[in-house]
Amino acid sequence: MTFLVDTGLSTTYISKEVLDAFGITMVDLVNDYINVKINSRATRVMMSRAHFKDVNVIRMSYFNVNDIDAYIHSSKEIFHMHFFNQEYDINQINHDLRKENVELKRYEKKE
């Protein structure tokens, strides 16, 4: 499973595999977006497009709004995301996708 941080993207894209793993369905797969919480932090997501269907793309504004720091340790091939007082290794996220360590939950945005 691949996660990509795009510093210029306005939308977060989640692969069908991840959406299915969390039991989230979308009515219109091409144009629909849903509001979800990733580690209890709200964001709007769309399903990954055909030309990058197996890639999860996190928009930079998700990091900015939620004050999340990312660290790359290239010599050790490690990528960490620091959510306030929690720290996640991307390998741990991949391994624990179906567990409660990383949550992806749909919620209804209040107007």
PDB file of N, CA and C in Angstrom:
ATOM      1  N   MET A   1       0.840  -1.165   0.000  1.00  0.00           N
ATOM      2  CA  MET A   1       0.000   0.000   0.000  1.00  0.00           C
ATOM      3  C   MET A   1       0.893   1.239   0.000  1.00  0.00           C
ATOM      4  N   THR A   2       0.517   2.215  -0.819  1.00  0.00           N
ATOM      5  CA  THR A   2       1.335   3.408  -0.979  1.00  0.00           C
ATOM      6  C   THR A   2       0.596   4.638  -0.480  1.00  0.00           C
ATOM      7  N   PHE A   3       1.291   5.468   0.295  1.00  0.00           N
ATOM      8  CA  PHE A   3       0.780   6.759   0.729  1.00  0.00           C
ATOM      9  C   PHE A   3       1.689   7.832   0.157  1.00  0.00           C
ATOM     10  N   LEU A   4       1.091   8.885  -0.375  1.00  0.00           N
ATOM     11  CA  LEU A   4       1.833   9.974  -0.988  1.00  0.00           C
ATOM     12  C   LEU A   4       1.344  11.282  -0.398  1.00  0.00           C
ATOM     13  N   VAL A   5       2.272  12.165  -0.028  1.00  0.00           N
ATOM     14  CA  VAL A   5       1.908  13.505   0.420  1.00  0.00           C
ATOM     15  C   VAL A   5       2.165  14.442  -0.745  1.00  0.00           C
ATOM     16  N   ASP A   6       1.122  15.137  -1.183  1.00  0.00           N
ATOM     17  CA  ASP A   6       1.230  16.076  -2.303  1.00  0.00           C
ATOM     18  C   ASP A   6       1.080  17.488  -1.755  1.00  0.00           C
ATOM     19  N   THR A   7       2.129  18.289  -1.861  1.00  0.00           N
ATOM     20  CA  THR A   7       2.129  19.626  -1.269  1.00  0.00           C
ATOM     21  C   THR A   7       1.264  20.621  -2.021  1.00  0.00           C
ATOM     22  N   GLY A   8       0.802  20.288  -3.224  1.00  0.00           N
ATOM     23  CA  GLY A   8      -0.011  21.223  -3.993  1.00  0.00           C
ATOM     24  C   GLY A   8      -1.432  20.763  -4.241  1.00  0.00           C
ATOM     25  N   LEU A   9      -1.803  19.629  -3.710  1.00  0.00           N
ATOM     26  CA  LEU A   9      -3.109  19.043  -3.988  1.00  0.00           C
ATOM     27  C   LEU A   9      -4.174  19.601  -3.052  1.00  0.00           C
ATOM     28  N   SER A  10      -5.367  19.821  -3.586  1.00  0.00           N
ATOM     29  CA  SER A  10      -6.461  20.358  -2.769  1.00  0.00           C
ATOM     30  C   SER A  10      -7.382  19.270  -2.226  1.00  0.00           C
ATOM     31  N   THR A  11      -7.178  18.035  -2.624  1.00  0.00           N
ATOM     32  CA  THR A  11      -8.042  16.929  -2.208  1.00  0.00           C
ATOM     33  C   THR A  11      -7.201  15.767  -1.704  1.00  0.00           C
ATOM     34  N   THR A  12      -7.714  15.063  -0.698  1.00  0.00           N
ATOM     35  CA  THR A  12      -7.095  13.825  -0.239  1.00  0.00           C
ATOM     36  C   THR A  12      -7.793  12.674  -0.954  1.00  0.00           C
ATOM     37  N   TYR A  13      -7.020  11.748  -1.490  1.00  0.00           N
ATOM     38  CA  TYR A  13      -7.563  10.586  -2.197  1.00  0.00           C
ATOM     39  C   TYR A  13      -7.215   9.324  -1.421  1.00  0.00           C
ATOM     40  N   ILE A  14      -8.208   8.462  -1.229  1.00  0.00           N
ATOM     41  CA  ILE A  14      -8.018   7.195  -0.536  1.00  0.00           C
ATOM     42  C   ILE A  14      -8.389   6.069  -1.497  1.00  0.00           C
ATOM     43  N   SER A  15      -7.549   5.039  -1.541  1.00  0.00           N
ATOM     44  CA  SER A  15      -7.782   3.929  -2.467  1.00  0.00           C
ATOM     45  C   SER A  15      -9.027   3.134  -2.082  1.00  0.00           C
ATOM     46  N   LYS A  16      -9.588   2.447  -3.058  1.00  0.00           N
ATOM     47  CA  LYS A  16     -10.760   1.597  -2.826  1.00  0.00           C
ATOM     48  C   LYS A  16     -10.436   0.532  -1.788  1.00  0.00           C
ATOM     49  N   GLU A  17      -9.219   0.003  -1.829  1.00  0.00           N
ATOM     50  CA  GLU A  17      -8.799  -1.022  -0.869  1.00  0.00           C
ATOM     51  C   GLU A  17      -8.935  -0.521   0.571  1.00  0.00           C
ATOM     52  N   VAL A  18      -8.487   0.696   0.828  1.00  0.00           N
ATOM     53  CA  VAL A  18      -8.562   1.252   2.182  1.00  0.00           C
ATOM     54  C   VAL A  18     -10.010   1.562   2.550  1.00  0.00           C
ATOM     55  N   LEU A  19     -10.753   2.169   1.624  1.00  0.00           N
ATOM     56  CA  LEU A  19     -12.167   2.453   1.894  1.00  0.00           C
ATOM     57  C   LEU A  19     -12.920   1.168   2.224  1.00  0.00           C
ATOM     58  N   ASP A  20     -12.685   0.111   1.438  1.00  0.00           N
ATOM     59  CA  ASP A  20     -13.336  -1.179   1.678  1.00  0.00           C
ATOM     60  C   ASP A  20     -12.938  -1.764   3.033  1.00  0.00           C
ATOM     61  N   ALA A  21     -11.651  -1.623   3.388  1.00  0.00           N
ATOM     62  CA  ALA A  21     -11.167  -2.170   4.656  1.00  0.00           C
ATOM     63  C   ALA A  21     -11.890  -1.554   5.849  1.00  0.00           C
ATOM     64  N   PHE A  22     -12.321  -0.303   5.704  1.00  0.00           N
ATOM     65  CA  PHE A  22     -13.023   0.376   6.786  1.00  0.00           C
ATOM     66  C   PHE A  22     -14.531   0.404   6.580  1.00  0.00           C
ATOM     67  N   GLY A  23     -15.020  -0.316   5.556  1.00  0.00           N
ATOM     68  CA  GLY A  23     -16.454  -0.412   5.319  1.00  0.00           C
ATOM     69  C   GLY A  23     -17.094   0.875   4.840  1.00  0.00           C
ATOM     70  N   ILE A  24     -16.338   1.704   4.143  1.00  0.00           N
ATOM     71  CA  ILE A  24     -16.854   2.977   3.643  1.00  0.00           C
ATOM     72  C   ILE A  24     -17.184   2.830   2.166  1.00  0.00           C
ATOM     73  N   THR A  25     -18.425   3.155   1.796  1.00  0.00           N
ATOM     74  CA  THR A  25     -18.838   3.085   0.397  1.00  0.00           C
ATOM     75  C   THR A  25     -19.170   4.481  -0.110  1.00  0.00           C
ATOM     76  N   MET A  26     -19.019   4.653  -1.412  1.00  0.00           N
ATOM     77  CA  MET A  26     -19.308   5.933  -2.047  1.00  0.00           C
ATOM     78  C   MET A  26     -20.340   5.696  -3.138  1.00  0.00           C
ATOM     79  N   VAL A  27     -21.325   6.579  -3.246  1.00  0.00           N
ATOM     80  CA  VAL A  27     -22.386   6.440  -4.238  1.00  0.00           C
ATOM     81  C   VAL A  27     -21.852   6.717  -5.635  1.00  0.00           C
ATOM     82  N   ASP A  28     -21.229   7.856  -5.827  1.00  0.00           N
ATOM     83  CA  ASP A  28     -20.676   8.258  -7.124  1.00  0.00           C
ATOM     84  C   ASP A  28     -19.158   8.181  -7.023  1.00  0.00           C
ATOM     85  N   LEU A  29     -18.577   7.126  -7.569  1.00  0.00           N
ATOM     86  CA  LEU A  29     -17.139   6.892  -7.417  1.00  0.00           C
ATOM     87  C   LEU A  29     -16.274   7.929  -8.114  1.00  0.00           C
ATOM     88  N   VAL A  30     -16.813   8.623  -9.123  1.00  0.00           N
ATOM     89  CA  VAL A  30     -16.018   9.587  -9.883  1.00  0.00           C
ATOM     90  C   VAL A  30     -16.092  10.987  -9.290  1.00  0.00           C
ATOM     91  N   ASN A  31     -17.282  11.432  -8.929  1.00  0.00           N
ATOM     92  CA  ASN A  31     -17.463  12.820  -8.504  1.00  0.00           C
ATOM     93  C   ASN A  31     -17.733  13.003  -7.020  1.00  0.00           C
ATOM     94  N   ASP A  32     -18.005  11.924  -6.307  1.00  0.00           N
ATOM     95  CA  ASP A  32     -18.412  12.026  -4.908  1.00  0.00           C
ATOM     96  C   ASP A  32     -17.214  12.202  -3.989  1.00  0.00           C
ATOM     97  N   TYR A  33     -17.433  12.946  -2.938  1.00  0.00           N
ATOM     98  CA  TYR A  33     -16.457  13.016  -1.865  1.00  0.00           C
ATOM     99  C   TYR A  33     -17.191  12.691  -0.570  1.00  0.00           C
ATOM    100  N   ILE A  34     -16.428  12.308   0.441  1.00  0.00           N
ATOM    101  CA  ILE A  34     -17.013  12.045   1.745  1.00  0.00           C
ATOM    102  C   ILE A  34     -16.173  12.744   2.797  1.00  0.00           C
ATOM    103  N   ASN A  35     -16.801  13.061   3.896  1.00  0.00           N
ATOM    104  CA  ASN A  35     -16.094  13.615   5.043  1.00  0.00           C
ATOM    105  C   ASN A  35     -15.726  12.455   5.950  1.00  0.00           C
ATOM    106  N   VAL A  36     -14.452  12.357   6.283  1.00  0.00           N
ATOM    107  CA  VAL A  36     -13.972  11.294   7.161  1.00  0.00           C
ATOM    108  C   VAL A  36     -13.071  11.900   8.224  1.00  0.00           C
ATOM    109  N   LYS A  37     -12.773  11.092   9.203  1.00  0.00           N
ATOM    110  CA  LYS A  37     -11.781  11.475  10.200  1.00  0.00           C
ATOM    111  C   LYS A  37     -10.633  10.489  10.093  1.00  0.00           C
ATOM    112  N   ILE A  38      -9.450  11.009   9.932  1.00  0.00           N
ATOM    113  CA  ILE A  38      -8.236  10.200   9.911  1.00  0.00           C
ATOM    114  C   ILE A  38      -7.520  10.508  11.218  1.00  0.00           C
ATOM    115  N   ASN A  39      -7.411   9.511  12.077  1.00  0.00           N
ATOM    116  CA  ASN A  39      -6.874   9.700  13.428  1.00  0.00           C
ATOM    117  C   ASN A  39      -7.578  10.838  14.145  1.00  0.00           C
ATOM    118  N   SER A  40      -8.902  10.836  14.074  1.00  0.00           N
ATOM    119  CA  SER A  40      -9.787  11.797  14.744  1.00  0.00           C
ATOM    120  C   SER A  40      -9.686  13.212  14.199  1.00  0.00           C
ATOM    121  N   ARG A  41      -9.070  13.389  13.031  1.00  0.00           N
ATOM    122  CA  ARG A  41      -8.955  14.714  12.426  1.00  0.00           C
ATOM    123  C   ARG A  41      -9.729  14.729  11.115  1.00  0.00           C
ATOM    124  N   ALA A  42     -10.650  15.683  10.997  1.00  0.00           N
ATOM    125  CA  ALA A  42     -11.573  15.729   9.862  1.00  0.00           C
ATOM    126  C   ALA A  42     -10.892  16.132   8.562  1.00  0.00           C
ATOM    127  N   THR A  43     -11.326  15.502   7.478  1.00  0.00           N
ATOM    128  CA  THR A  43     -10.889  15.888   6.136  1.00  0.00           C
ATOM    129  C   THR A  43     -11.908  15.371   5.126  1.00  0.00           C
ATOM    130  N   ARG A  44     -11.880  15.956   3.955  1.00  0.00           N
ATOM    131  CA  ARG A  44     -12.748  15.526   2.859  1.00  0.00           C
ATOM    132  C   ARG A  44     -11.901  14.662   1.926  1.00  0.00           C
ATOM    133  N   VAL A  45     -12.427  13.495   1.526  1.00  0.00           N
ATOM    134  CA  VAL A  45     -11.672  12.602   0.651  1.00  0.00           C
ATOM    135  C   VAL A  45     -12.505  12.172  -0.549  1.00  0.00           C
ATOM    136  N   MET A  46     -11.796  11.819  -1.605  1.00  0.00           N
ATOM    137  CA  MET A  46     -12.383  11.193  -2.789  1.00  0.00           C
ATOM    138  C   MET A  46     -11.667   9.866  -2.975  1.00  0.00           C
ATOM    139  N   MET A  47     -12.270   8.967  -3.759  1.00  0.00           N
ATOM    140  CA  MET A  47     -11.598   7.712  -4.051  1.00  0.00           C
ATOM    141  C   MET A  47     -10.521   7.961  -5.098  1.00  0.00           C
ATOM    142  N   SER A  48      -9.381   7.304  -4.945  1.00  0.00           N
ATOM    143  CA  SER A  48      -8.270   7.458  -5.883  1.00  0.00           C
ATOM    144  C   SER A  48      -8.721   7.183  -7.305  1.00  0.00           C
ATOM    145  N   ARG A  49      -8.225   7.964  -8.251  1.00  0.00           N
ATOM    146  CA  ARG A  49      -8.601   7.872  -9.663  1.00  0.00           C
ATOM    147  C   ARG A  49      -7.938   6.674 -10.341  1.00  0.00           C
ATOM    148  N   ALA A  50      -8.422   6.333 -11.519  1.00  0.00           N
ATOM    149  CA  ALA A  50      -7.966   5.144 -12.247  1.00  0.00           C
ATOM    150  C   ALA A  50      -6.459   5.133 -12.481  1.00  0.00           C
ATOM    151  N   HIS A  51      -5.865   6.291 -12.792  1.00  0.00           N
ATOM    152  CA  HIS A  51      -4.434   6.305 -13.105  1.00  0.00           C
ATOM    153  C   HIS A  51      -3.548   6.250 -11.857  1.00  0.00           C
ATOM    154  N   PHE A  52      -4.138   6.307 -10.656  1.00  0.00           N
ATOM    155  CA  PHE A  52      -3.374   6.089  -9.430  1.00  0.00           C
ATOM    156  C   PHE A  52      -4.251   5.389  -8.379  1.00  0.00           C
ATOM    157  N   LYS A  53      -5.025   4.406  -8.846  1.00  0.00           N
ATOM    158  CA  LYS A  53      -6.050   3.763  -8.018  1.00  0.00           C
ATOM    159  C   LYS A  53      -5.519   3.053  -6.779  1.00  0.00           C
ATOM    160  N   ASP A  54      -4.259   2.634  -6.780  1.00  0.00           N
ATOM    161  CA  ASP A  54      -3.703   1.919  -5.635  1.00  0.00           C
ATOM    162  C   ASP A  54      -2.909   2.817  -4.700  1.00  0.00           C
ATOM    163  N   VAL A  55      -2.986   4.135  -4.921  1.00  0.00           N
ATOM    164  CA  VAL A  55      -2.207   5.088  -4.133  1.00  0.00           C
ATOM    165  C   VAL A  55      -3.149   5.942  -3.291  1.00  0.00           C
ATOM    166  N   ASN A  56      -2.786   6.151  -2.041  1.00  0.00           N
ATOM    167  CA  ASN A  56      -3.505   7.056  -1.151  1.00  0.00           C
ATOM    168  C   ASN A  56      -2.738   8.371  -1.145  1.00  0.00           C
ATOM    169  N   VAL A  57      -3.403   9.472  -1.474  1.00  0.00           N
ATOM    170  CA  VAL A  57      -2.743  10.773  -1.583  1.00  0.00           C
ATOM    171  C   VAL A  57      -3.306  11.692  -0.507  1.00  0.00           C
ATOM    172  N   ILE A  58      -2.440  12.150   0.378  1.00  0.00           N
ATOM    173  CA  ILE A  58      -2.856  13.047   1.455  1.00  0.00           C
ATOM    174  C   ILE A  58      -2.460  14.465   1.079  1.00  0.00           C
ATOM    175  N   ARG A  59      -3.441  15.358   1.085  1.00  0.00           N
ATOM    176  CA  ARG A  59      -3.152  16.747   0.722  1.00  0.00           C
ATOM    177  C   ARG A  59      -2.392  17.439   1.846  1.00  0.00           C
ATOM    178  N   MET A  60      -1.554  18.384   1.476  1.00  0.00           N
ATOM    179  CA  MET A  60      -0.716  19.081   2.442  1.00  0.00           C
ATOM    180  C   MET A  60      -1.549  19.868   3.447  1.00  0.00           C
ATOM    181  N   SER A  61      -2.678  20.409   3.017  1.00  0.00           N
ATOM    182  CA  SER A  61      -3.491  21.202   3.946  1.00  0.00           C
ATOM    183  C   SER A  61      -4.012  20.357   5.112  1.00  0.00           C
ATOM    184  N   TYR A  62      -4.158  19.032   4.914  1.00  0.00           N
ATOM    185  CA  TYR A  62      -4.538  18.157   6.030  1.00  0.00           C
ATOM    186  C   TYR A  62      -3.463  18.217   7.114  1.00  0.00           C
ATOM    187  N   PHE A  63      -2.208  18.212   6.704  1.00  0.00           N
ATOM    188  CA  PHE A  63      -1.099  18.321   7.653  1.00  0.00           C
ATOM    189  C   PHE A  63      -1.107  19.697   8.318  1.00  0.00           C
ATOM    190  N   ASN A  64      -1.304  20.755   7.514  1.00  0.00           N
ATOM    191  CA  ASN A  64      -1.267  22.119   8.037  1.00  0.00           C
ATOM    192  C   ASN A  64      -2.387  22.384   9.034  1.00  0.00           C
ATOM    193  N   VAL A  65      -3.613  22.057   8.663  1.00  0.00           N
ATOM    194  CA  VAL A  65      -4.776  22.322   9.511  1.00  0.00           C
ATOM    195  C   VAL A  65      -4.685  21.564  10.829  1.00  0.00           C
ATOM    196  N   ASN A  66      -4.152  20.358  10.795  1.00  0.00           N
ATOM    197  CA  ASN A  66      -4.105  19.508  11.982  1.00  0.00           C
ATOM    198  C   ASN A  66      -2.762  19.523  12.697  1.00  0.00           C
ATOM    199  N   ASP A  67      -1.858  20.393  12.261  1.00  0.00           N
ATOM    200  CA  ASP A  67      -0.542  20.535  12.892  1.00  0.00           C
ATOM    201  C   ASP A  67       0.178  19.189  13.014  1.00  0.00           C
ATOM    202  N   ILE A  68       0.259  18.492  11.877  1.00  0.00           N
ATOM    203  CA  ILE A  68       0.922  17.191  11.812  1.00  0.00           C
ATOM    204  C   ILE A  68       2.292  17.384  11.177  1.00  0.00           C
ATOM    205  N   ASP A  69       3.298  16.811  11.788  1.00  0.00           N
ATOM    206  CA  ASP A  69       4.649  16.874  11.239  1.00  0.00           C
ATOM    207  C   ASP A  69       5.003  15.537  10.605  1.00  0.00           C
ATOM    208  N   ALA A  70       5.753  15.593   9.519  1.00  0.00           N
ATOM    209  CA  ALA A  70       6.223  14.380   8.845  1.00  0.00           C
ATOM    210  C   ALA A  70       7.746  14.402   8.826  1.00  0.00           C
ATOM    211  N   TYR A  71       8.346  13.260   9.079  1.00  0.00           N
ATOM    212  CA  TYR A  71       9.799  13.135   9.101  1.00  0.00           C
ATOM    213  C   TYR A  71      10.219  11.987   8.195  1.00  0.00           C
ATOM    214  N   ILE A  72      11.209  12.249   7.361  1.00  0.00           N
ATOM    215  CA  ILE A  72      11.747  11.221   6.472  1.00  0.00           C
ATOM    216  C   ILE A  72      13.183  10.942   6.893  1.00  0.00           C
ATOM    217  N   HIS A  73      13.459   9.692   7.202  1.00  0.00           N
ATOM    218  CA  HIS A  73      14.808   9.245   7.536  1.00  0.00           C
ATOM    219  C   HIS A  73      15.261   8.369   6.371  1.00  0.00           C
ATOM    220  N   SER A  74      15.787   9.018   5.336  1.00  0.00           N
ATOM    221  CA  SER A  74      16.071   8.315   4.081  1.00  0.00           C
ATOM    222  C   SER A  74      17.097   7.199   4.233  1.00  0.00           C
ATOM    223  N   SER A  75      18.097   7.391   5.076  1.00  0.00           N
ATOM    224  CA  SER A  75      19.121   6.350   5.215  1.00  0.00           C
ATOM    225  C   SER A  75      18.549   5.063   5.814  1.00  0.00           C
ATOM    226  N   LYS A  76      17.459   5.196   6.577  1.00  0.00           N
ATOM    227  CA  LYS A  76      16.827   4.025   7.190  1.00  0.00           C
ATOM    228  C   LYS A  76      15.533   3.635   6.482  1.00  0.00           C
ATOM    229  N   GLU A  77      15.180   4.391   5.431  1.00  0.00           N
ATOM    230  CA  GLU A  77      13.943   4.165   4.682  1.00  0.00           C
ATOM    231  C   GLU A  77      12.725   4.166   5.607  1.00  0.00           C
ATOM    232  N   ILE A  78      12.660   5.186   6.464  1.00  0.00           N
ATOM    233  CA  ILE A  78      11.572   5.314   7.430  1.00  0.00           C
ATOM    234  C   ILE A  78      10.865   6.647   7.212  1.00  0.00           C
ATOM    235  N   PHE A  79       9.542   6.619   7.288  1.00  0.00           N
ATOM    236  CA  PHE A  79       8.714   7.822   7.205  1.00  0.00           C
ATOM    237  C   PHE A  79       7.827   7.847   8.447  1.00  0.00           C
ATOM    238  N   HIS A  80       7.914   8.910   9.228  1.00  0.00           N
ATOM    239  CA  HIS A  80       7.102   9.056  10.439  1.00  0.00           C
ATOM    240  C   HIS A  80       6.135  10.211  10.273  1.00  0.00           C
ATOM    241  N   MET A  81       4.931  10.049  10.835  1.00  0.00           N
ATOM    242  CA  MET A  81       3.990  11.158  10.945  1.00  0.00           C
ATOM    243  C   MET A  81       3.734  11.383  12.428  1.00  0.00           C
ATOM    244  N   HIS A  82       3.869  12.614  12.869  1.00  0.00           N
ATOM    245  CA  HIS A  82       3.665  12.950  14.272  1.00  0.00           C
ATOM    246  C   HIS A  82       2.341  13.683  14.419  1.00  0.00           C
ATOM    247  N   PHE A  83       1.342  13.028  15.026  1.00  0.00           N
ATOM    248  CA  PHE A  83       0.031  13.604  15.290  1.00  0.00           C
ATOM    249  C   PHE A  83       0.040  14.077  16.741  1.00  0.00           C
ATOM    250  N   PHE A  84       0.338  15.338  16.976  1.00  0.00           N
ATOM    251  CA  PHE A  84       0.398  15.895  18.320  1.00  0.00           C
ATOM    252  C   PHE A  84       1.266  15.009  19.199  1.00  0.00           C
ATOM    253  N   ASN A  85       0.676  14.261  20.130  1.00  0.00           N
ATOM    254  CA  ASN A  85       1.459  13.437  21.045  1.00  0.00           C
ATOM    255  C   ASN A  85       1.584  11.990  20.598  1.00  0.00           C
ATOM    256  N   GLN A  86       1.141  11.691  19.372  1.00  0.00           N
ATOM    257  CA  GLN A  86       1.242  10.333  18.855  1.00  0.00           C
ATOM    258  C   GLN A  86       2.211  10.333  17.680  1.00  0.00           C
ATOM    259  N   GLU A  87       2.964   9.285  17.541  1.00  0.00           N
ATOM    260  CA  GLU A  87       3.858   9.165  16.406  1.00  0.00           C
ATOM    261  C   GLU A  87       3.615   7.826  15.736  1.00  0.00           C
ATOM    262  N   TYR A  88       3.500   7.857  14.404  1.00  0.00           N
ATOM    263  CA  TYR A  88       3.236   6.654  13.633  1.00  0.00           C
ATOM    264  C   TYR A  88       4.308   6.472  12.580  1.00  0.00           C
ATOM    265  N   ASP A  89       4.793   5.266  12.471  1.00  0.00           N
ATOM    266  CA  ASP A  89       5.680   4.871  11.391  1.00  0.00           C
ATOM    267  C   ASP A  89       4.776   4.388  10.263  1.00  0.00           C
ATOM    268  N   ILE A  90       5.032   4.805   9.031  1.00  0.00           N
ATOM    269  CA  ILE A  90       4.164   4.441   7.912  1.00  0.00           C
ATOM    270  C   ILE A  90       4.056   2.924   7.772  1.00  0.00           C
ATOM    271  N   ASN A  91       5.105   2.183   8.140  1.00  0.00           N
ATOM    272  CA  ASN A  91       5.031   0.723   8.096  1.00  0.00           C
ATOM    273  C   ASN A  91       4.037   0.203   9.130  1.00  0.00           C
ATOM    274  N   GLN A  92       3.990   0.848  10.289  1.00  0.00           N
ATOM    275  CA  GLN A  92       3.018   0.470  11.315  1.00  0.00           C
ATOM    276  C   GLN A  92       1.609   0.749  10.813  1.00  0.00           C
ATOM    277  N   ILE A  93       1.414   1.874  10.135  1.00  0.00           N
ATOM    278  CA  ILE A  93       0.097   2.213   9.599  1.00  0.00           C
ATOM    279  C   ILE A  93      -0.339   1.158   8.590  1.00  0.00           C
ATOM    280  N   ASN A  94       0.563   0.773   7.680  1.00  0.00           N
ATOM    281  CA  ASN A  94       0.234  -0.264   6.705  1.00  0.00           C
ATOM    282  C   ASN A  94      -0.146  -1.565   7.402  1.00  0.00           C
ATOM    283  N   HIS A  95       0.633  -1.946   8.395  1.00  0.00           N
ATOM    284  CA  HIS A  95       0.423  -3.213   9.095  1.00  0.00           C
ATOM    285  C   HIS A  95      -0.868  -3.200   9.913  1.00  0.00           C
ATOM    286  N   ASP A  96      -1.191  -2.059  10.505  1.00  0.00           N
ATOM    287  CA  ASP A  96      -2.311  -1.984  11.432  1.00  0.00           C
ATOM    288  C   ASP A  96      -3.573  -1.376  10.830  1.00  0.00           C
ATOM    289  N   LEU A  97      -3.684  -1.350   9.501  1.00  0.00           N
ATOM    290  CA  LEU A  97      -4.831  -0.700   8.872  1.00  0.00           C
ATOM    291  C   LEU A  97      -6.163  -1.224   9.381  1.00  0.00           C
ATOM    292  N   ARG A  98      -6.266  -2.515   9.617  1.00  0.00           N
ATOM    293  CA  ARG A  98      -7.545  -3.082  10.035  1.00  0.00           C
ATOM    294  C   ARG A  98      -7.724  -3.047  11.557  1.00  0.00           C
ATOM    295  N   LYS A  99      -6.722  -2.555  12.258  1.00  0.00           N
ATOM    296  CA  LYS A  99      -6.817  -2.453  13.711  1.00  0.00           C
ATOM    297  C   LYS A  99      -7.214  -1.029  14.078  1.00  0.00           C
ATOM    298  N   GLU A 100      -7.365  -0.762  15.338  1.00  0.00           N
ATOM    299  CA  GLU A 100      -7.813   0.556  15.784  1.00  0.00           C
ATOM    300  C   GLU A 100      -6.671   1.561  15.930  1.00  0.00           C
ATOM    301  N   ASN A 101      -5.436   1.173  15.642  1.00  0.00           N
ATOM    302  CA  ASN A 101      -4.327   2.120  15.764  1.00  0.00           C
ATOM    303  C   ASN A 101      -4.487   3.299  14.818  1.00  0.00           C
ATOM    304  N   VAL A 102      -5.032   3.054  13.651  1.00  0.00           N
ATOM    305  CA  VAL A 102      -5.294   4.109  12.679  1.00  0.00           C
ATOM    306  C   VAL A 102      -6.768   4.035  12.351  1.00  0.00           C
ATOM    307  N   GLU A 103      -7.464   5.143  12.533  1.00  0.00           N
ATOM    308  CA  GLU A 103      -8.893   5.111  12.272  1.00  0.00           C
ATOM    309  C   GLU A 103      -9.228   5.941  11.044  1.00  0.00           C
ATOM    310  N   LEU A 104     -10.179   5.466  10.300  1.00  0.00           N
ATOM    311  CA  LEU A 104     -10.731   6.189   9.162  1.00  0.00           C
ATOM    312  C   LEU A 104     -12.230   6.018   9.275  1.00  0.00           C
ATOM    313  N   LYS A 105     -12.911   7.059   9.683  1.00  0.00           N
ATOM    314  CA  LYS A 105     -14.346   6.958   9.931  1.00  0.00           C
ATOM    315  C   LYS A 105     -15.088   8.037   9.169  1.00  0.00           C
ATOM    316  N   ARG A 106     -16.203   7.639   8.600  1.00  0.00           N
ATOM    317  CA  ARG A 106     -17.059   8.582   7.893  1.00  0.00           C
ATOM    318  C   ARG A 106     -17.870   9.364   8.917  1.00  0.00           C
ATOM    319  N   TYR A 107     -18.063  10.631   8.662  1.00  0.00           N
ATOM    320  CA  TYR A 107     -18.926  11.419   9.525  1.00  0.00           C
ATOM    321  C   TYR A 107     -19.689  12.412   8.678  1.00  0.00           C
ATOM    322  N   GLU A 108     -20.795  12.878   9.190  1.00  0.00           N
ATOM    323  CA  GLU A 108     -21.615  13.855   8.483  1.00  0.00           C
ATOM    324  C   GLU A 108     -21.186  15.245   8.918  1.00  0.00           C
ATOM    325  N   LYS A 109     -20.831  16.056   7.951  1.00  0.00           N
ATOM    326  CA  LYS A 109     -20.401  17.420   8.242  1.00  0.00           C
ATOM    327  C   LYS A 109     -21.615  18.246   8.646  1.00  0.00           C
ATOM    328  N   LYS A 110     -21.499  18.943   9.758  1.00  0.00           N
ATOM    329  CA  LYS A 110     -22.598  19.780  10.232  1.00  0.00           C
ATOM    330  C   LYS A 110     -22.527  21.126   9.537  1.00  0.00           C
ATOM    331  N   GLU A 111     -23.661  21.557   9.020  1.00  0.00           N
ATOM    332  CA  GLU A 111     -23.725  22.833   8.291  1.00  0.00           C
ATOM    333  C   GLU A 111     -23.758  23.994   9.248  1.00  0.00           C
TER     334      GLU A 111
END
